Protein backbone atom coordinates (compact mmCIF):
# COMPACT_ATOMS: atom_id res chain seq x y z
CA UNK A 1 -15.26 -80.57 32.34
CA UNK A 2 -11.69 -78.91 31.36
CA UNK A 3 -13.22 -79.45 27.58
CA UNK A 4 -16.30 -76.83 27.96
CA UNK A 5 -14.19 -74.46 29.72
CA UNK A 6 -11.87 -74.82 26.65
CA UNK A 7 -14.30 -74.25 24.17
CA UNK A 8 -16.10 -71.16 26.03
CA UNK A 9 -12.10 -69.48 25.63
CA UNK A 10 -11.78 -69.85 22.41
CA UNK A 11 -15.15 -68.73 21.83
CA UNK A 12 -14.16 -66.00 23.53
CA UNK A 13 -10.96 -65.48 21.81
CA UNK A 14 -12.57 -65.60 18.54
CA UNK A 15 -15.23 -62.92 19.52
CA UNK A 16 -12.54 -60.75 20.29
CA UNK A 17 -10.93 -61.34 16.93
CA UNK A 18 -14.11 -60.82 14.95
CA UNK A 19 -14.67 -57.26 17.69
CA UNK A 20 -11.00 -56.63 16.76
CA UNK A 21 -12.08 -56.48 12.78
CA UNK A 22 -14.82 -54.83 13.23
CA UNK A 23 -13.18 -51.86 15.15
CA UNK A 24 -10.04 -52.11 12.43
CA UNK A 25 -13.20 -52.06 9.92
CA UNK A 26 -14.96 -48.99 11.46
CA UNK A 27 -11.49 -47.21 11.75
CA UNK A 28 -11.09 -47.32 8.39
CA UNK A 29 -14.27 -46.24 7.09
CA UNK A 30 -14.50 -43.42 9.49
CA UNK A 31 -10.81 -42.44 8.34
CA UNK A 32 -12.44 -42.62 4.57
CA UNK A 33 -14.98 -40.67 5.57
CA UNK A 34 -12.55 -37.84 7.27
CA UNK A 35 -10.99 -37.93 3.95
CA UNK A 36 -13.91 -37.69 1.42
CA UNK A 37 -15.38 -34.99 3.73
CA UNK A 38 -12.44 -33.05 3.43
CA UNK A 39 -11.91 -33.59 0.04
CA UNK A 40 -15.11 -32.13 -0.55
CA UNK A 41 -14.70 -29.54 1.68
CA UNK A 42 -11.37 -28.24 -0.55
CA UNK A 43 -13.24 -28.91 -4.25
CA UNK A 44 -16.28 -26.82 -2.46
CA UNK A 45 -14.25 -23.95 -1.49
CA UNK A 46 -13.61 -20.70 -3.35
CA UNK A 47 -10.24 -21.48 -4.86
CA UNK A 48 -8.86 -17.66 -5.15
CA UNK A 49 -9.17 -17.21 -1.58
CA UNK A 50 -6.47 -19.65 0.09
CA UNK A 51 -7.24 -19.14 3.42
CA UNK A 52 -10.81 -20.62 2.53
CA UNK A 53 -9.24 -23.56 0.94
CA UNK A 54 -7.19 -24.42 3.92
CA UNK A 55 -10.20 -23.78 6.37
CA UNK A 56 -8.12 -21.13 8.02
CA UNK A 57 -8.62 -17.40 9.47
CA UNK A 58 -6.84 -14.52 7.84
CA UNK A 59 -3.89 -13.36 9.91
CA UNK A 60 -2.92 -16.65 11.20
CA UNK A 61 0.87 -16.75 11.59
CA UNK A 62 3.12 -18.83 9.12
CA UNK A 63 3.70 -21.94 11.51
CA UNK A 64 -0.12 -22.38 11.94
CA UNK A 65 -0.51 -22.51 7.56
CA UNK A 66 2.58 -25.15 7.65
CA UNK A 67 0.98 -27.05 9.95
CA UNK A 68 -2.62 -27.09 8.67
CA UNK A 69 -1.11 -27.74 5.40
CA UNK A 70 0.85 -30.70 6.71
CA UNK A 71 -2.04 -32.51 8.31
CA UNK A 72 -4.30 -32.03 5.37
CA UNK A 73 -2.17 -33.07 2.82
CA UNK A 74 -1.17 -36.35 4.56
CA UNK A 75 -5.12 -36.90 5.42
CA UNK A 76 -5.99 -36.20 1.59
CA UNK A 77 -3.05 -37.59 -0.46
CA UNK A 78 -3.83 -39.28 -3.60
CA UNK A 79 -1.59 -41.71 -2.58
CA UNK A 80 -3.45 -42.67 0.32
CA UNK A 81 -7.00 -42.07 -0.73
CA UNK A 82 -9.21 -43.91 -3.32
CA UNK A 83 -11.18 -41.02 -3.80
CA UNK A 84 -10.76 -39.79 -7.62
CA UNK A 85 -10.95 -36.62 -6.83
CA UNK A 86 -8.33 -36.65 -4.29
CA UNK A 87 -5.29 -34.99 -6.76
CA UNK A 88 -7.52 -32.11 -7.87
CA UNK A 89 -7.93 -31.33 -4.29
CA UNK A 90 -4.23 -31.95 -3.54
CA UNK A 91 -3.56 -29.64 -6.07
CA UNK A 92 -5.60 -26.97 -4.88
CA UNK A 93 -4.33 -27.30 -1.61
CA UNK A 94 -0.98 -26.85 -2.54
CA UNK A 95 -1.55 -24.17 -4.55
CA UNK A 96 -3.42 -22.26 -1.69
CA UNK A 97 -0.57 -23.26 0.60
CA UNK A 98 2.24 -21.75 -1.96
CA UNK A 99 0.00 -18.49 -2.26
CA UNK A 100 -0.16 -17.58 1.53
CA UNK A 101 3.38 -18.26 1.76
CA UNK A 102 4.20 -15.67 -0.75
CA UNK A 103 4.60 -12.44 0.63
CA UNK A 104 3.17 -10.03 -1.90
CA UNK A 105 0.14 -12.95 -3.11
CA UNK A 106 -0.76 -12.81 1.04
CA UNK A 107 -0.78 -8.93 1.41
CA UNK A 108 -3.32 -8.52 -1.63
CA UNK A 109 -5.53 -11.49 -0.37
CA UNK A 110 -5.48 -9.40 3.18
CA UNK A 111 -6.43 -6.36 1.22
CA UNK A 112 -9.41 -7.91 -0.91
CA UNK A 113 -10.48 -9.39 2.70
CA UNK A 114 -10.22 -6.10 4.55
CA UNK A 115 -11.79 -4.12 1.82
CA UNK A 116 -15.04 -6.69 2.00
CA UNK A 117 -15.39 -6.02 5.40
CA UNK A 118 -15.47 -2.56 4.58
CA UNK A 119 -17.85 -3.03 2.04
CA UNK A 120 -20.31 -5.23 4.15
CA UNK A 121 -20.27 -2.66 7.00
CA UNK A 122 -21.36 -0.27 4.64
CA UNK A 123 -23.82 -2.32 3.41
CA UNK A 124 -25.28 -3.93 6.70
CA UNK A 125 -25.43 0.09 7.39
CA UNK A 126 -22.98 -0.48 10.60
CA UNK A 127 -20.05 1.11 12.02
CA UNK A 128 -16.84 -0.44 13.22
CA UNK A 129 -18.03 0.08 16.73
CA UNK A 130 -21.38 -2.20 16.29
CA UNK A 131 -21.85 -5.21 18.24
CA UNK A 132 -22.13 -7.20 15.34
CA UNK A 133 -18.53 -6.28 13.96
CA UNK A 134 -16.86 -6.29 17.16
CA UNK A 135 -18.02 -9.91 17.84
CA UNK A 136 -19.41 -11.07 14.58
CA UNK A 137 -21.96 -14.26 14.79
CA UNK A 138 -22.24 -16.81 12.20
CA UNK A 139 -24.45 -15.01 9.98
CA UNK A 140 -22.09 -12.34 9.73
CA UNK A 141 -19.19 -14.15 8.73
CA UNK A 142 -21.07 -15.99 6.10
CA UNK A 143 -22.00 -12.52 4.55
CA UNK A 144 -18.42 -11.32 4.89
CA UNK A 145 -16.97 -14.78 3.27
CA UNK A 146 -19.49 -14.37 0.03
CA UNK A 147 -18.29 -10.20 -0.05
CA UNK A 148 -14.69 -11.56 -0.09
CA UNK A 149 -15.48 -13.69 -3.30
CA UNK A 150 -16.90 -10.58 -4.75
CA UNK A 151 -14.17 -8.41 -4.31
CA UNK A 152 -11.53 -11.38 -5.49
CA UNK A 153 -14.08 -11.68 -8.56
CA UNK A 154 -14.15 -8.03 -9.22
CA UNK A 155 -10.24 -7.47 -8.66
CA UNK A 156 -9.40 -10.57 -11.34
CA UNK A 157 -12.09 -8.92 -13.51
CA UNK A 158 -10.21 -5.46 -13.02
CA UNK A 159 -6.82 -7.27 -13.83
CA UNK A 160 -8.11 -8.98 -16.99
CA UNK A 161 -8.97 -5.78 -18.34
CA UNK A 162 -5.78 -4.02 -17.19
CA UNK A 163 -3.71 -6.85 -19.11
CA UNK A 164 -6.30 -6.60 -22.25
CA UNK A 165 -5.56 -2.50 -22.37
CA UNK A 166 -2.23 -3.19 -21.91
CA UNK A 167 -1.92 -6.10 -24.39
CA UNK A 168 -3.61 -3.86 -27.02
CA UNK A 169 -1.60 -0.59 -25.95
CA UNK A 170 1.63 -3.05 -26.62
CA UNK A 171 0.12 -4.20 -30.05
CA UNK A 172 -0.25 -0.46 -30.95
CA UNK A 173 3.38 0.50 -30.04
CA UNK A 174 4.82 -2.82 -31.59
CA UNK A 175 2.49 -2.02 -35.03
CA UNK A 176 3.82 1.68 -34.93
CA UNK A 177 7.57 0.05 -34.14
CA UNK A 178 7.16 -2.63 -36.93
CA UNK A 179 5.78 0.79 -39.49
CA UNK A 180 9.10 2.69 -38.27
CA UNK A 181 11.30 -0.11 -39.29
CA UNK A 182 10.03 -0.80 -42.39
CA UNK A 183 10.53 3.08 -42.92
CA UNK A 184 13.66 3.25 -42.06
CA UNK A 185 14.59 -0.09 -44.22
CA UNK A 186 12.72 1.47 -47.32
CA UNK A 187 15.13 4.10 -47.21
CA UNK A 188 18.26 2.53 -46.64
CA UNK A 189 17.71 0.18 -49.33
CA UNK A 190 16.64 3.36 -51.47
CA UNK A 191 20.13 5.04 -50.58
CA UNK A 192 22.00 2.00 -51.16
CA UNK A 193 20.25 1.54 -54.55
CA UNK A 194 21.07 5.40 -55.43
CA UNK A 195 24.48 4.79 -54.55
CA UNK A 196 24.99 1.77 -56.61
CA UNK A 197 23.62 3.62 -59.76
CA UNK A 198 25.79 6.50 -59.00
CA UNK A 199 28.14 5.71 -61.50
CA UNK A 200 26.13 4.90 -64.04
CA UNK A 201 24.19 8.46 -63.65
CA UNK A 202 27.96 9.96 -63.71
CA UNK A 203 28.67 8.56 -67.14
CA UNK A 204 25.57 8.93 -68.56
CA UNK A 205 25.98 12.67 -67.47
CA UNK A 206 29.57 12.74 -69.03
CA UNK A 207 28.27 11.45 -72.17
CA UNK A 208 25.49 13.89 -72.57
CA UNK A 209 27.81 16.59 -71.62
CA UNK A 210 30.08 15.32 -74.19
CA UNK A 211 26.99 15.39 -76.71
CA UNK A 212 25.94 18.81 -76.15
CA UNK A 213 29.65 20.06 -76.42
CA UNK A 214 29.96 18.66 -79.48
CA UNK A 215 26.74 20.19 -81.07
CA UNK A 216 27.79 23.05 -79.67
CA UNK A 217 31.87 23.71 -81.24
CA UNK A 218 31.37 22.04 -84.03
CA UNK A 219 27.50 21.99 -85.47
CA UNK A 220 26.80 25.74 -84.47
CA UNK A 221 25.15 27.31 -87.72
CA UNK A 222 27.35 30.47 -89.30
CA UNK A 223 25.73 33.82 -88.76
CA UNK A 224 25.39 36.39 -91.84
CA UNK A 225 28.02 38.30 -92.88
CA UNK A 226 28.20 41.33 -91.63
CA UNK A 227 27.75 44.38 -94.03
CA UNK A 228 30.93 46.71 -93.81
CA UNK A 229 29.79 50.16 -93.06
CA UNK A 230 31.21 53.19 -95.11
């Protein structure tokens, strides 16, 4: 009788071990699914909107930003994920995190988000007192997110135009400076050349003056003899 009981316990132990392996496998698969899902979410986010990349709402405190970044960076770290796109997602996450910790960059982003909200309210014919604005639903938030993309893209295009215009102006100024530099160099070289030939010019003038004097004193034709009157 002892033998069947022993076999039963052995089977139960084996079953528990199998169940543990299965649970561990399922847990691993779930974690991999979470990693892949987060990687895909980050790569699908509008990268110019750091809040969108980190999946945060505008205005959150710095502590929440740091905690969120820490949690997500550990989840999708390339060393802990077999997903080939993990490095790209990790880099985007890090850039977004750094942008939100940069006071000037975050201020510009917050201004763009606020501008997008104002534009959306105007486009929808609403006011700040409208229910949709006071208590925004999923639809309003989705439209707001799309409007943020528009504003950020427009701001970037404007910045590119300003940079192009600035580069063109700098190019014109540079050409002007180069022309002035060339002209000064030409004048300086001319003055240096003039100075180098000064002695030669003096000698030539002296020689010319000497010949002229000799001709005047020794080679003057005698005039007709004056007739004496009376």
